Amino acid sequence: MAQSTILLPPFEGTIHMTVAQKTSFADAEIHCTLDRAPKSELDELDFGVIGFDVSGMVRQYNTHESTLAGLSPERVLGHPLFTIVAPCMNNYMVAQRFEDAHQSGTSLDDTIDYVLTLRMRPVKVKLRLLSQPDSPMRYLLVKRPG
């Protein structure tokens, strides 16, 4: 019996969605998405992303956060988040939560109201603190009003 081959046309309307198109500040799976996203797609998000490793060194810093915070990537990447970049977050509300999650080996996913004060007039924001015990990266997401 002879085999026949059926040729199908390419699927029309197939769209590759970027991280920015399918990810919101409140997305339940955002930690995994951020771990896999290329820098170019993190730069398209409409909220700030600061990714840092277990030692607290900033490894990811998107354009949205750089623009609104007024800090260039060169000034932030490779520097300790809570002592050099954002000492205003070196407190029990932010830095200590990451440390506690790390010490206990638990996940962290908290959203808090916060006021940023370093190098700017006070700005009310929402911070989302993300840490997973099996991920080398932790994330601090910053959502400004408007």
N, C-alpha and C. Protein backbone atom coordinates (compact mmCIF):
# COMPACT_ATOMS: atom_id res chain seq x y z
N MET A 1 0.84 -1.17 0.00
CA MET A 1 0.00 0.00 0.00
C MET A 1 0.89 1.24 0.00
N ALA A 2 0.64 2.12 -0.90
CA ALA A 2 1.44 3.34 -1.04
C ALA A 2 1.01 4.36 0.00
N GLN A 3 2.00 5.06 0.54
CA GLN A 3 1.70 6.13 1.49
C GLN A 3 1.50 7.42 0.73
N SER A 4 0.56 8.20 1.17
CA SER A 4 0.38 9.51 0.56
C SER A 4 0.76 10.60 1.56
N THR A 5 1.22 11.66 1.02
CA THR A 5 1.62 12.78 1.86
C THR A 5 0.64 13.91 1.66
N ILE A 6 0.18 14.44 2.74
CA ILE A 6 -0.74 15.58 2.67
C ILE A 6 0.02 16.82 3.10
N LEU A 7 0.05 17.79 2.25
CA LEU A 7 0.72 19.03 2.57
C LEU A 7 -0.30 20.04 3.08
N LEU A 8 -0.05 20.56 4.23
CA LEU A 8 -0.95 21.57 4.80
C LEU A 8 -0.31 22.94 4.67
N PRO A 9 -1.12 23.93 4.41
CA PRO A 9 -0.56 25.28 4.35
C PRO A 9 -0.11 25.71 5.75
N PRO A 10 0.81 26.67 5.81
CA PRO A 10 1.22 27.15 7.13
C PRO A 10 0.01 27.70 7.88
N PHE A 11 0.04 27.53 9.19
CA PHE A 11 -1.05 28.04 9.99
C PHE A 11 -1.04 29.56 9.93
N GLU A 12 -2.13 30.11 9.48
CA GLU A 12 -2.23 31.55 9.42
C GLU A 12 -2.73 32.07 10.76
N GLY A 13 -2.27 33.22 11.12
CA GLY A 13 -2.72 33.82 12.37
C GLY A 13 -1.95 33.36 13.59
N THR A 14 -0.93 32.50 13.40
CA THR A 14 -0.12 32.07 14.53
C THR A 14 0.74 33.25 14.95
N ILE A 15 0.65 33.62 16.19
CA ILE A 15 1.36 34.78 16.68
C ILE A 15 2.25 34.36 17.84
N HIS A 16 3.49 34.79 17.78
CA HIS A 16 4.40 34.59 18.92
C HIS A 16 4.14 35.72 19.90
N MET A 17 3.71 35.39 21.09
CA MET A 17 3.46 36.42 22.09
C MET A 17 4.71 36.63 22.92
N THR A 18 5.08 37.87 23.10
CA THR A 18 6.24 38.18 23.92
C THR A 18 5.85 38.12 25.39
N VAL A 19 6.85 38.14 26.24
CA VAL A 19 6.61 38.14 27.68
C VAL A 19 5.73 39.32 28.07
N ALA A 20 5.98 40.49 27.48
CA ALA A 20 5.21 41.68 27.81
C ALA A 20 3.74 41.54 27.42
N GLN A 21 3.47 40.83 26.36
CA GLN A 21 2.09 40.67 25.90
C GLN A 21 1.30 39.68 26.75
N LYS A 22 1.99 38.78 27.42
CA LYS A 22 1.27 37.75 28.17
C LYS A 22 1.54 37.79 29.67
N THR A 23 2.28 38.79 30.14
CA THR A 23 2.66 38.84 31.55
C THR A 23 2.22 40.15 32.18
N SER A 24 1.59 40.03 33.33
CA SER A 24 1.22 41.22 34.09
C SER A 24 1.92 41.19 35.45
N PHE A 25 1.91 42.32 36.12
CA PHE A 25 2.52 42.44 37.44
C PHE A 25 1.97 41.39 38.41
N ALA A 26 0.69 41.03 38.26
CA ALA A 26 0.02 40.11 39.17
C ALA A 26 0.03 38.65 38.70
N ASP A 27 0.68 38.35 37.59
CA ASP A 27 0.71 37.00 37.03
C ASP A 27 1.22 35.99 38.06
N ALA A 28 0.46 34.93 38.27
CA ALA A 28 0.80 33.91 39.27
C ALA A 28 2.09 33.15 38.91
N GLU A 29 2.39 33.01 37.65
CA GLU A 29 3.56 32.25 37.21
C GLU A 29 4.73 33.14 36.80
N ILE A 30 4.74 34.37 37.26
CA ILE A 30 5.72 35.34 36.76
C ILE A 30 7.16 34.98 37.09
N HIS A 31 7.42 34.34 38.21
CA HIS A 31 8.81 34.01 38.55
C HIS A 31 9.43 33.12 37.49
N CYS A 32 8.73 32.09 37.09
CA CYS A 32 9.24 31.18 36.04
C CYS A 32 9.38 31.92 34.71
N THR A 33 8.44 32.78 34.40
CA THR A 33 8.50 33.55 33.16
C THR A 33 9.73 34.44 33.14
N LEU A 34 10.01 35.13 34.25
CA LEU A 34 11.16 36.01 34.33
C LEU A 34 12.47 35.23 34.23
N ASP A 35 12.51 34.04 34.81
CA ASP A 35 13.72 33.21 34.73
C ASP A 35 14.07 32.85 33.28
N ARG A 36 13.05 32.69 32.43
CA ARG A 36 13.27 32.25 31.05
C ARG A 36 13.32 33.38 30.03
N ALA A 37 12.85 34.55 30.39
CA ALA A 37 12.71 35.64 29.42
C ALA A 37 14.05 36.26 29.03
N PRO A 38 14.23 36.53 27.74
CA PRO A 38 15.43 37.26 27.32
C PRO A 38 15.33 38.73 27.75
N LYS A 39 16.46 39.38 27.90
CA LYS A 39 16.51 40.77 28.34
C LYS A 39 15.64 41.67 27.47
N SER A 40 15.65 41.46 26.18
CA SER A 40 14.87 42.31 25.27
C SER A 40 13.39 42.28 25.61
N GLU A 41 12.89 41.14 26.06
CA GLU A 41 11.47 41.04 26.40
C GLU A 41 11.19 41.61 27.79
N LEU A 42 12.14 41.51 28.71
CA LEU A 42 11.97 42.15 30.02
C LEU A 42 11.87 43.66 29.85
N ASP A 43 12.58 44.19 28.87
CA ASP A 43 12.57 45.63 28.63
C ASP A 43 11.22 46.12 28.11
N GLU A 44 10.38 45.24 27.62
CA GLU A 44 9.07 45.62 27.10
C GLU A 44 7.99 45.68 28.18
N LEU A 45 8.28 45.19 29.37
CA LEU A 45 7.28 45.16 30.44
C LEU A 45 6.95 46.56 30.92
N ASP A 46 5.72 46.75 31.40
CA ASP A 46 5.28 48.07 31.86
C ASP A 46 5.43 48.24 33.37
N PHE A 47 6.35 47.49 33.96
CA PHE A 47 6.69 47.62 35.37
C PHE A 47 8.18 47.31 35.51
N GLY A 48 8.75 47.76 36.62
CA GLY A 48 10.17 47.54 36.85
C GLY A 48 10.49 46.13 37.26
N VAL A 49 11.62 45.62 36.79
CA VAL A 49 12.11 44.29 37.16
C VAL A 49 13.57 44.44 37.60
N ILE A 50 13.82 44.02 38.84
CA ILE A 50 15.18 43.95 39.34
C ILE A 50 15.41 42.50 39.76
N GLY A 51 16.28 41.82 39.05
CA GLY A 51 16.62 40.43 39.37
C GLY A 51 17.97 40.40 40.06
N PHE A 52 18.05 39.67 41.15
CA PHE A 52 19.32 39.59 41.88
C PHE A 52 19.54 38.17 42.37
N ASP A 53 20.82 37.84 42.57
CA ASP A 53 21.16 36.49 42.98
C ASP A 53 21.14 36.35 44.50
N VAL A 54 21.47 35.17 44.98
CA VAL A 54 21.42 34.86 46.42
C VAL A 54 22.34 35.77 47.23
N SER A 55 23.42 36.24 46.62
CA SER A 55 24.33 37.13 47.35
C SER A 55 23.84 38.59 47.34
N GLY A 56 22.75 38.85 46.62
CA GLY A 56 22.19 40.20 46.57
C GLY A 56 22.69 41.05 45.43
N MET A 57 23.52 40.48 44.54
CA MET A 57 24.04 41.23 43.39
C MET A 57 22.98 41.33 42.30
N VAL A 58 22.77 42.52 41.78
CA VAL A 58 21.79 42.74 40.73
C VAL A 58 22.32 42.15 39.43
N ARG A 59 21.52 41.28 38.81
CA ARG A 59 21.89 40.61 37.55
C ARG A 59 20.96 40.99 36.41
N GLN A 60 19.75 41.46 36.73
CA GLN A 60 18.79 41.89 35.71
C GLN A 60 18.19 43.22 36.15
N TYR A 61 18.02 44.11 35.17
CA TYR A 61 17.49 45.44 35.47
C TYR A 61 16.87 45.94 34.18
N ASN A 62 15.54 46.01 34.14
CA ASN A 62 14.92 46.34 32.86
C ASN A 62 14.85 47.85 32.60
N THR A 63 14.59 48.18 31.35
CA THR A 63 14.56 49.57 30.91
C THR A 63 13.51 50.39 31.63
N HIS A 64 12.35 49.81 31.87
CA HIS A 64 11.27 50.54 32.56
C HIS A 64 11.76 51.04 33.92
N GLU A 65 12.38 50.18 34.68
CA GLU A 65 12.86 50.57 36.01
C GLU A 65 14.02 51.57 35.89
N SER A 66 14.91 51.35 34.96
CA SER A 66 16.04 52.25 34.78
C SER A 66 15.56 53.67 34.46
N THR A 67 14.61 53.78 33.56
CA THR A 67 14.09 55.08 33.16
C THR A 67 13.41 55.80 34.31
N LEU A 68 12.52 55.11 35.00
CA LEU A 68 11.75 55.77 36.07
C LEU A 68 12.56 56.02 37.34
N ALA A 69 13.52 55.16 37.61
CA ALA A 69 14.36 55.35 38.80
C ALA A 69 15.50 56.33 38.53
N GLY A 70 15.81 56.54 37.25
CA GLY A 70 16.90 57.44 36.91
C GLY A 70 18.27 56.86 37.18
N LEU A 71 18.37 55.53 37.18
CA LEU A 71 19.65 54.85 37.41
C LEU A 71 19.99 54.02 36.18
N SER A 72 21.15 54.23 35.63
CA SER A 72 21.56 53.49 34.43
C SER A 72 21.88 52.04 34.80
N PRO A 73 21.76 51.14 33.83
CA PRO A 73 22.12 49.75 34.09
C PRO A 73 23.57 49.61 34.56
N GLU A 74 24.47 50.43 34.04
CA GLU A 74 25.87 50.36 34.45
C GLU A 74 26.05 50.67 35.93
N ARG A 75 25.18 51.50 36.46
CA ARG A 75 25.27 51.89 37.86
C ARG A 75 24.64 50.83 38.79
N VAL A 76 23.84 49.94 38.22
CA VAL A 76 23.07 48.98 39.02
C VAL A 76 23.57 47.54 38.86
N LEU A 77 23.76 47.10 37.63
CA LEU A 77 24.14 45.70 37.38
C LEU A 77 25.49 45.38 38.01
N GLY A 78 25.53 44.26 38.72
CA GLY A 78 26.77 43.82 39.36
C GLY A 78 27.02 44.45 40.72
N HIS A 79 26.06 45.22 41.21
CA HIS A 79 26.21 45.86 42.52
C HIS A 79 25.19 45.29 43.50
N PRO A 80 25.50 45.32 44.81
CA PRO A 80 24.58 44.80 45.81
C PRO A 80 23.30 45.65 45.88
N LEU A 81 22.16 44.99 45.77
CA LEU A 81 20.88 45.69 45.72
C LEU A 81 20.60 46.49 47.00
N PHE A 82 20.70 45.83 48.14
CA PHE A 82 20.21 46.45 49.37
C PHE A 82 21.22 47.35 50.09
N THR A 83 22.47 47.37 49.65
CA THR A 83 23.44 48.25 50.31
C THR A 83 23.93 49.38 49.41
N ILE A 84 24.01 49.15 48.10
CA ILE A 84 24.51 50.17 47.18
C ILE A 84 23.41 50.74 46.30
N VAL A 85 22.62 49.90 45.67
CA VAL A 85 21.61 50.35 44.71
C VAL A 85 20.39 50.95 45.38
N ALA A 86 19.82 50.24 46.35
CA ALA A 86 18.58 50.69 46.99
C ALA A 86 18.63 50.47 48.49
N PRO A 87 19.48 51.21 49.20
CA PRO A 87 19.55 51.04 50.65
C PRO A 87 18.24 51.40 51.36
N CYS A 88 17.35 52.14 50.68
CA CYS A 88 16.05 52.45 51.28
C CYS A 88 15.18 51.20 51.43
N MET A 89 15.58 50.09 50.81
CA MET A 89 14.84 48.83 50.94
C MET A 89 15.54 47.84 51.86
N ASN A 90 16.62 48.27 52.47
CA ASN A 90 17.37 47.39 53.37
C ASN A 90 16.72 47.44 54.76
N ASN A 91 15.56 46.80 54.86
CA ASN A 91 14.78 46.83 56.10
C ASN A 91 13.96 45.54 56.23
N TYR A 92 13.20 45.45 57.29
CA TYR A 92 12.43 44.23 57.54
C TYR A 92 11.30 44.03 56.54
N MET A 93 10.83 45.10 55.92
CA MET A 93 9.72 44.98 54.97
C MET A 93 10.13 44.36 53.64
N VAL A 94 11.39 44.58 53.23
CA VAL A 94 11.82 44.10 51.93
C VAL A 94 13.00 43.13 52.06
N ALA A 95 14.19 43.63 52.34
CA ALA A 95 15.39 42.78 52.35
C ALA A 95 15.25 41.60 53.32
N GLN A 96 14.71 41.85 54.50
CA GLN A 96 14.61 40.79 55.49
C GLN A 96 13.66 39.67 55.04
N ARG A 97 12.64 40.00 54.28
CA ARG A 97 11.73 38.95 53.78
C ARG A 97 12.45 38.01 52.83
N PHE A 98 13.30 38.57 51.99
CA PHE A 98 14.08 37.71 51.09
C PHE A 98 15.03 36.82 51.89
N GLU A 99 15.66 37.40 52.88
CA GLU A 99 16.60 36.64 53.71
C GLU A 99 15.87 35.54 54.49
N ASP A 100 14.73 35.86 55.05
CA ASP A 100 13.95 34.86 55.81
C ASP A 100 13.53 33.70 54.92
N ALA A 101 13.06 34.00 53.69
CA ALA A 101 12.64 32.95 52.76
C ALA A 101 13.84 32.07 52.39
N HIS A 102 14.97 32.68 52.17
CA HIS A 102 16.18 31.92 51.83
C HIS A 102 16.59 31.00 52.99
N GLN A 103 16.63 31.56 54.19
CA GLN A 103 17.04 30.78 55.37
C GLN A 103 16.10 29.61 55.65
N SER A 104 14.80 29.81 55.42
CA SER A 104 13.84 28.75 55.71
C SER A 104 13.59 27.83 54.51
N GLY A 105 14.14 28.18 53.34
CA GLY A 105 13.95 27.35 52.15
C GLY A 105 12.53 27.38 51.64
N THR A 106 11.84 28.50 51.84
CA THR A 106 10.44 28.62 51.41
C THR A 106 10.31 29.62 50.27
N SER A 107 9.18 29.56 49.60
CA SER A 107 8.87 30.50 48.53
C SER A 107 8.42 31.82 49.12
N LEU A 108 8.65 32.88 48.38
CA LEU A 108 8.21 34.21 48.76
C LEU A 108 7.47 34.80 47.57
N ASP A 109 6.26 35.25 47.78
CA ASP A 109 5.48 35.98 46.77
C ASP A 109 4.55 36.91 47.52
N ASP A 110 5.06 38.09 47.85
CA ASP A 110 4.30 39.09 48.59
C ASP A 110 4.25 40.38 47.80
N THR A 111 3.11 41.03 47.83
CA THR A 111 2.96 42.35 47.24
C THR A 111 2.67 43.32 48.36
N ILE A 112 3.45 44.41 48.40
CA ILE A 112 3.29 45.38 49.48
C ILE A 112 3.25 46.80 48.91
N ASP A 113 2.57 47.67 49.62
CA ASP A 113 2.62 49.09 49.32
C ASP A 113 3.90 49.63 49.93
N TYR A 114 4.58 50.51 49.20
CA TYR A 114 5.87 51.00 49.66
C TYR A 114 6.08 52.42 49.15
N VAL A 115 6.97 53.14 49.78
CA VAL A 115 7.34 54.48 49.33
C VAL A 115 8.84 54.49 49.05
N LEU A 116 9.19 54.73 47.78
CA LEU A 116 10.59 54.84 47.41
C LEU A 116 11.07 56.25 47.73
N THR A 117 12.27 56.35 48.30
CA THR A 117 12.75 57.66 48.72
C THR A 117 14.16 57.97 48.26
N LEU A 118 14.89 57.02 47.77
CA LEU A 118 16.30 57.24 47.43
C LEU A 118 16.44 58.01 46.12
N ARG A 119 17.21 59.07 46.12
CA ARG A 119 17.54 59.85 44.93
C ARG A 119 16.33 60.41 44.20
N MET A 120 15.21 60.54 44.86
CA MET A 120 14.00 61.05 44.20
C MET A 120 13.04 61.56 45.26
N ARG A 121 12.06 62.28 44.81
CA ARG A 121 11.00 62.64 45.76
C ARG A 121 10.26 61.37 46.11
N PRO A 122 9.66 61.31 47.28
CA PRO A 122 8.94 60.08 47.66
C PRO A 122 7.90 59.68 46.61
N VAL A 123 7.92 58.41 46.24
CA VAL A 123 7.00 57.88 45.23
C VAL A 123 6.34 56.63 45.79
N LYS A 124 4.99 56.65 45.83
CA LYS A 124 4.26 55.47 46.27
C LYS A 124 4.26 54.44 45.15
N VAL A 125 4.59 53.20 45.52
CA VAL A 125 4.64 52.10 44.55
C VAL A 125 4.07 50.84 45.19
N LYS A 126 3.87 49.85 44.35
CA LYS A 126 3.61 48.49 44.82
C LYS A 126 4.87 47.70 44.50
N LEU A 127 5.35 46.96 45.48
CA LEU A 127 6.49 46.07 45.28
C LEU A 127 6.00 44.64 45.34
N ARG A 128 6.49 43.83 44.44
CA ARG A 128 6.21 42.39 44.51
C ARG A 128 7.54 41.70 44.74
N LEU A 129 7.61 40.96 45.83
CA LEU A 129 8.82 40.25 46.24
C LEU A 129 8.69 38.80 45.85
N LEU A 130 9.62 38.30 45.04
CA LEU A 130 9.54 36.94 44.52
C LEU A 130 10.83 36.17 44.75
N SER A 131 10.70 35.00 45.34
CA SER A 131 11.85 34.12 45.54
C SER A 131 11.35 32.68 45.59
N GLN A 132 12.08 31.81 44.90
CA GLN A 132 11.79 30.38 44.91
C GLN A 132 13.05 29.66 45.36
N PRO A 133 12.93 28.67 46.25
CA PRO A 133 14.14 27.98 46.74
C PRO A 133 14.95 27.29 45.64
N ASP A 134 14.30 26.89 44.55
CA ASP A 134 15.00 26.16 43.49
C ASP A 134 15.48 27.06 42.36
N SER A 135 15.37 28.37 42.52
CA SER A 135 15.80 29.31 41.48
C SER A 135 17.00 30.12 41.97
N PRO A 136 17.98 30.33 41.10
CA PRO A 136 19.14 31.13 41.50
C PRO A 136 18.83 32.63 41.53
N MET A 137 17.69 33.02 40.97
CA MET A 137 17.34 34.44 40.90
C MET A 137 16.16 34.78 41.80
N ARG A 138 16.23 35.95 42.39
CA ARG A 138 15.13 36.55 43.14
C ARG A 138 14.71 37.79 42.37
N TYR A 139 13.46 38.20 42.54
CA TYR A 139 12.98 39.35 41.79
C TYR A 139 12.27 40.34 42.69
N LEU A 140 12.50 41.59 42.39
CA LEU A 140 11.78 42.69 43.00
C LEU A 140 11.11 43.41 41.85
N LEU A 141 9.77 43.38 41.82
CA LEU A 141 9.00 44.04 40.77
C LEU A 141 8.48 45.36 41.33
N VAL A 142 8.49 46.40 40.52
CA VAL A 142 8.08 47.72 40.97
C VAL A 142 7.00 48.25 40.06
N LYS A 143 5.83 48.51 40.62
CA LYS A 143 4.70 49.04 39.85
C LYS A 143 4.39 50.42 40.37
N ARG A 144 4.56 51.39 39.51
CA ARG A 144 4.25 52.77 39.87
C ARG A 144 2.83 53.09 39.45
N PRO A 145 2.19 54.07 40.11
CA PRO A 145 0.81 54.41 39.75
C PRO A 145 0.75 55.02 38.35
N GLY A 146 -0.42 54.84 37.73
CA GLY A 146 -0.65 55.47 36.43
C GLY A 146 -0.35 54.63 35.32
